[in-house]
Amino acid sequence: MNGKSVVMVPAKTILNFQSGFVHKMLCDGPTFSTGSACGYSCSFCYVPAIMRKNPHGIDPSLKHEEIVVRRENPIEVLRRQLTRANGKPKITGPDEVGRVVFASPLVDVAANMDLVRETIEACRVILELTPWTIRLLSKSNLLPKVAEGLADPAIKDRVIYGVSTGTLDDRLAQAFEGGTPLVSKRIQSIHWLQDKGFRTYGMICPSLPLETREDYWDFARECAEKLRADRMEHVWAEVINVRGESFERTEAALREAGFAREAERLKAVSLGTPESKLAWEDYARWTFEGHAEVYAGVPGKLRFLQYVTKPTEAWWAARENQGAVLL
């Protein structure tokens, strides 16, 4: 699948009823995932770091980024999680109406047509058995195929679609987002969704360090224009963060693809020295300020995800009203 070996594992759960993703404002608690290793191989991926405990008993000689891990019978398991012994839905009541469930915290929901079909099935089960709204995120250009499978008027407005675009440069994206479709194709797919009246949101992450402070403002404005952010409900943004060996893998991928300057800028903020920590904070703040300026006239539109420390927390907390989300 996507040029990688597939490992099938037993699954007790597909739905996590109370995920930490609620703090990122991507959901109201629940998330679902039908796999544990993605069809893509992004160098910055955080999933290998959180899967090191190997809960599925997978052969430890298999590298996480070299396999696709799918869960057995995901639709049956999901349906079982959402129904009582008598077959009636568990999730009912006015407080559940409109609650957002996010997919996927672990794998891309549309990395190929098999996964597109699986995602459609999973969404249909959730839409049938709950009053929830679904938020889907992908680095694929196949989200329109998912949308076509969920286009019934009765459910169309209960799904929100977003594509991840940490850069607008096709060649640069290919360097560190292994196996993903071109960014330009992803942007075309979000335009298709917007033109067909589907709900959309933006996910500008992870974005790399740029050369000058002014470059961050230019980047934010260009992203808003290319993604047609005025037609999106919200826009999330985030810099690249330390997740296992994510910095090292991304720097190496950039160098191998011929992006030496980009690799050097990333290295400068990731050495772990006092100087590089200050440089990383400047990089994060300037990225935020660029986006915050673009969306200043639309309160609540921007949701900038930022991991804070005690020395930096006060600066970010003072900007929550501009869209900073402290993690």
Foldseek 3Di string as FASTA:
>chain_A
DLQAAEDEFEDLAFKFQADPCVLLVQFVGMEGDQWAAESWQFLLDQSQLVCVVVPRPPDPVDRRSRYTYGYPPHLVSLLVVQADPVGAGPADDPVQAATEYEPDPGYAQPLDVVSLVVSLSNVVSCVVRYNYAYEHEHLALCVVVSLVSQVPPVGQASYEYEYEAQDQDQLLCCLRTGSGDGSLSNLVSLVVCLVVPGAYEYERDQHAFDDDLVVLLVRLVVCCVSNVRVSHQAHEYEHRDDRPCSLVSSLVSCVVSPNPVRSVRSCQLPVPDPRNVVSVVVRGVSNLVSNLVVCVVPFPRYAYEDEDDPVCVVVQVVCVRSHYRYD
